[in-house]
Amino acid sequence: MITIIGSLKGGSGKSTLTFNLGVWLSMAGVKVQLIDADPQATLSDVIDVRREEGFDPTLSVLDKQGLSLEQLHAADETIVDVGTSDMDSLRTALARCDRVVVPVPPSQADIWSTQRFIQLISAVERAAPPEILGFINRGDTHHAVRETNEAAAALVSLPGIRFIKPRLSQRTVFRRSFSEGLAVFELESRGKAAREFLSLAASLYPHMVS
């Protein structure tokens, strides 16, 4: 399966999610390949750190040249990190993927951005539209803050996207683990962030846990 992790806005957590999913799938024995088609190359940077630190399993990452039809199908699972700073690569990936996963931070601006992203995906010429999945990323951890739940309710109501209930919260361990070249569940296996991620991963890849 070819999965894009994408959005129209920077800083939504695309690279962090792509990296964590890559480690998780690799640990499960899946033949997975990661493609960094974002000129910022944040995903490539964290893979370099992981390699330098000697963590297992090792991961490799391809640049936008990996968006060729042959290369996209060279693994059981392909995950593409791509942003709007390279619109040609984004459109190529959208034309060839099976699904698009959209991390949505809890703000009205991000809901509007997601709505525009859905429209962009729909405008790409292809035989059949990809599945579009959305979830709340970097949600508030304080129960008194209502913006996260309000954003989730708005995301549910958007046409053309399927809402996934598991969410990732705004936790410093995500940034810390990423900077060290580790998945969040490797750094703090029993932490809240690890539980959140594993719940999301199970929703995205249910066949892996059934």
Protein backbone atom coordinates (compact mmCIF):
# COMPACT_ATOMS: atom_id res chain seq x y z
CA MET A 1 0.00 0.00 0.00
CA ILE A 2 1.19 3.50 -0.84
CA THR A 3 0.35 6.00 1.89
CA ILE A 4 0.93 9.75 1.77
CA ILE A 5 1.29 11.64 5.02
CA GLY A 6 0.42 15.14 3.90
CA SER A 7 -1.23 18.49 4.46
CA LEU A 8 -1.11 22.00 3.05
CA LYS A 9 0.49 23.49 6.17
CA GLY A 10 3.97 23.05 7.54
CA GLY A 11 4.49 21.99 11.12
CA SER A 12 1.57 19.57 11.21
CA GLY A 13 3.74 16.62 12.28
CA LYS A 14 4.00 14.78 8.96
CA SER A 15 7.65 13.76 9.30
CA THR A 16 7.26 12.66 12.91
CA LEU A 17 4.33 10.41 12.04
CA THR A 18 6.05 9.00 8.93
CA PHE A 19 9.16 8.16 10.93
CA ASN A 20 7.30 6.51 13.80
CA LEU A 21 5.18 4.44 11.42
CA GLY A 22 8.29 3.38 9.53
CA VAL A 23 9.98 2.11 12.69
CA TRP A 24 6.81 0.37 13.87
CA LEU A 25 6.21 -1.43 10.58
CA SER A 26 9.85 -2.42 10.30
CA MET A 27 9.78 -3.88 13.83
CA ALA A 28 6.78 -5.94 12.75
CA GLY A 29 8.81 -7.48 9.94
CA VAL A 30 7.09 -5.56 7.16
CA LYS A 31 9.09 -4.60 4.09
CA VAL A 32 8.64 -0.84 4.31
CA GLN A 33 10.17 2.05 2.41
CA LEU A 34 10.06 5.73 3.27
CA ILE A 35 10.14 8.50 0.68
CA ASP A 36 11.03 12.06 1.63
CA ALA A 37 9.67 14.24 -1.16
CA ASP A 38 9.68 17.39 0.98
CA PRO A 39 12.59 19.78 0.20
CA GLN A 40 12.91 20.47 3.94
CA ALA A 41 14.16 16.85 4.24
CA THR A 42 13.29 16.58 7.93
CA LEU A 43 12.52 12.88 7.56
CA SER A 44 15.90 12.29 5.91
CA ASP A 45 17.60 14.11 8.79
CA VAL A 46 16.08 11.87 11.47
CA ILE A 47 16.93 8.74 9.48
CA ASP A 48 20.53 9.96 9.34
CA VAL A 49 20.55 10.44 13.12
CA ARG A 50 19.13 6.96 13.65
CA ARG A 51 21.77 5.44 11.39
CA GLU A 52 24.60 7.33 13.08
CA GLU A 53 23.42 6.19 16.53
CA GLY A 54 23.24 2.58 15.35
CA PHE A 55 19.64 1.95 16.38
CA ASP A 56 17.85 -1.17 15.13
CA PRO A 57 15.96 -1.64 12.98
CA THR A 58 17.81 0.55 10.52
CA LEU A 59 15.73 2.52 8.06
CA SER A 60 16.53 4.00 4.68
CA VAL A 61 14.82 6.85 2.92
CA LEU A 62 14.52 7.80 -0.74
CA ASP A 63 14.17 11.31 -2.13
CA LYS A 64 11.53 12.37 -4.65
CA GLN A 65 13.07 10.10 -7.27
CA GLY A 66 11.37 7.33 -5.32
CA LEU A 67 8.00 8.53 -6.65
CA SER A 68 8.45 6.52 -9.84
CA LEU A 69 5.75 3.89 -10.35
CA GLU A 70 8.26 1.06 -10.17
CA GLN A 71 9.89 2.27 -6.95
CA LEU A 72 6.60 3.04 -5.22
CA HIS A 73 5.65 -0.62 -5.53
CA ALA A 74 9.04 -1.96 -4.45
CA ALA A 75 7.90 -2.63 -0.86
CA ASP A 76 4.88 -4.03 0.94
CA GLU A 77 4.26 -0.63 2.53
CA THR A 78 5.44 2.70 1.15
CA ILE A 79 5.01 5.89 3.16
CA VAL A 80 5.56 9.26 1.49
CA ASP A 81 6.27 12.48 3.39
CA VAL A 82 5.50 15.39 1.07
CA GLY A 83 4.58 19.05 1.45
CA THR A 84 3.46 21.99 -0.62
CA SER A 85 6.95 23.42 -1.09
CA ASP A 86 7.27 20.97 -4.00
CA MET A 87 3.87 20.96 -5.68
CA ASP A 88 5.02 18.84 -8.61
CA SER A 89 6.12 16.05 -6.26
CA LEU A 90 2.93 16.42 -4.24
CA ARG A 91 0.73 16.05 -7.32
CA THR A 92 2.78 13.08 -8.57
CA ALA A 93 2.42 11.35 -5.21
CA LEU A 94 -1.32 12.09 -5.05
CA ALA A 95 -1.80 10.64 -8.52
CA ARG A 96 -0.14 7.35 -7.52
CA CYS A 97 -1.05 6.71 -3.89
CA ASP A 98 -3.69 4.46 -2.38
CA ARG A 99 -4.54 6.75 0.50
CA VAL A 100 -3.72 10.08 2.12
CA VAL A 101 -3.39 10.47 5.88
CA VAL A 102 -3.82 14.06 7.09
CA PRO A 103 -2.55 15.13 10.54
CA VAL A 104 -4.79 18.02 11.63
CA PRO A 105 -3.71 20.31 14.50
CA PRO A 106 -6.67 21.59 16.56
CA SER A 107 -7.40 25.00 15.13
CA GLN A 108 -10.00 26.47 12.81
CA ALA A 109 -7.25 27.49 10.40
CA ASP A 110 -6.14 23.88 10.13
CA ILE A 111 -9.69 22.71 9.50
CA TRP A 112 -9.96 25.22 6.64
CA SER A 113 -6.56 24.11 5.34
CA THR A 114 -7.68 20.48 5.44
CA GLN A 115 -10.80 21.37 3.48
CA ARG A 116 -8.65 22.99 0.78
CA PHE A 117 -6.34 19.97 0.78
CA ILE A 118 -9.29 17.66 0.13
CA GLN A 119 -10.23 19.86 -2.82
CA LEU A 120 -6.66 19.69 -4.15
CA ILE A 121 -6.63 15.90 -3.89
CA SER A 122 -9.96 15.71 -5.72
CA ALA A 123 -8.57 17.88 -8.54
CA VAL A 124 -5.72 15.46 -9.32
CA GLU A 125 -6.53 13.36 -12.37
CA ARG A 126 -6.58 9.63 -11.67
CA ALA A 127 -8.81 6.63 -12.31
CA ALA A 128 -10.24 6.51 -8.80
CA PRO A 129 -9.84 8.89 -5.85
CA PRO A 130 -7.59 7.83 -2.97
CA GLU A 131 -8.96 7.19 0.48
CA ILE A 132 -8.47 10.26 2.69
CA LEU A 133 -8.09 9.78 6.44
CA GLY A 134 -7.80 12.54 9.01
CA PHE A 135 -6.95 12.61 12.70
CA ILE A 136 -6.23 15.23 15.35
CA ASN A 137 -2.51 15.73 15.88
CA ARG A 138 -0.85 17.81 18.61
CA GLY A 139 -4.06 17.96 20.60
CA ASP A 140 -4.32 19.72 23.94
CA THR A 141 -3.66 17.57 26.99
CA HIS A 142 -5.64 19.74 29.41
CA HIS A 143 -9.27 18.65 29.66
CA ALA A 144 -10.46 22.20 30.20
CA VAL A 145 -9.30 23.22 26.74
CA ARG A 146 -12.18 22.56 24.34
CA GLU A 147 -10.49 23.46 21.06
CA THR A 148 -9.25 19.91 20.39
CA ASN A 149 -12.71 18.37 20.71
CA GLU A 150 -14.23 21.18 18.68
CA ALA A 151 -11.67 20.60 15.92
CA ALA A 152 -12.41 16.86 16.00
CA ALA A 153 -16.13 17.56 15.63
CA ALA A 154 -15.42 19.87 12.68
CA LEU A 155 -13.17 17.26 11.08
CA VAL A 156 -15.91 14.63 11.41
CA SER A 157 -18.28 16.88 9.48
CA LEU A 158 -15.94 17.55 6.55
CA PRO A 159 -17.06 15.76 3.37
CA GLY A 160 -14.55 13.61 1.54
CA ILE A 161 -12.44 12.60 4.54
CA ARG A 162 -12.82 9.74 7.02
CA PHE A 163 -12.18 10.72 10.61
CA ILE A 164 -9.95 8.46 12.72
CA LYS A 165 -10.70 8.74 16.43
CA PRO A 166 -7.22 8.02 17.94
CA ARG A 167 -5.36 11.28 18.36
CA LEU A 168 -1.84 12.35 19.20
CA SER A 169 -1.40 14.98 21.89
CA GLN A 170 1.06 17.85 22.11
CA ARG A 171 3.76 16.08 24.14
CA THR A 172 7.44 17.02 24.38
CA VAL A 173 8.46 13.37 24.14
CA PHE A 174 7.52 13.36 20.44
CA ARG A 175 10.04 16.11 19.74
CA ARG A 176 12.67 14.63 22.05
CA SER A 177 12.46 11.12 20.61
CA PHE A 178 12.53 12.48 17.06
CA SER A 179 15.67 14.53 17.72
CA GLU A 180 17.37 11.41 19.08
CA GLY A 181 16.45 9.20 16.12
CA LEU A 182 14.06 7.07 18.13
CA ALA A 183 10.38 6.30 17.76
CA VAL A 184 8.32 7.55 20.68
CA PHE A 185 7.54 4.00 21.77
CA GLU A 186 11.25 3.18 21.82
CA LEU A 187 12.14 6.12 24.06
CA GLU A 188 9.23 5.76 26.50
CA SER A 189 7.56 2.44 25.84
CA ARG A 190 5.04 2.80 28.67
CA GLY A 191 4.32 6.50 28.28
CA LYS A 192 1.08 8.17 27.23
CA ALA A 193 2.57 9.25 23.89
CA ALA A 194 3.51 5.66 23.06
CA ARG A 195 -0.01 4.46 23.85
CA GLU A 196 -1.50 7.20 21.69
CA PHE A 197 0.76 6.38 18.77
CA LEU A 198 0.17 2.62 18.97
CA SER A 199 -3.59 3.20 19.00
CA LEU A 200 -3.30 5.37 15.89
CA ALA A 201 -1.01 2.88 14.15
CA ALA A 202 -3.50 0.08 14.83
CA SER A 203 -6.24 2.18 13.22
CA LEU A 204 -4.12 2.88 10.15
CA TYR A 205 -2.88 -0.71 9.77
CA PRO A 206 -5.60 -2.90 11.35
CA HIS A 207 -4.39 -6.01 9.53
CA MET A 208 -1.15 -5.78 11.52
CA VAL A 209 -2.89 -6.28 14.87
CA SER A 210 -5.89 -8.46 14.00
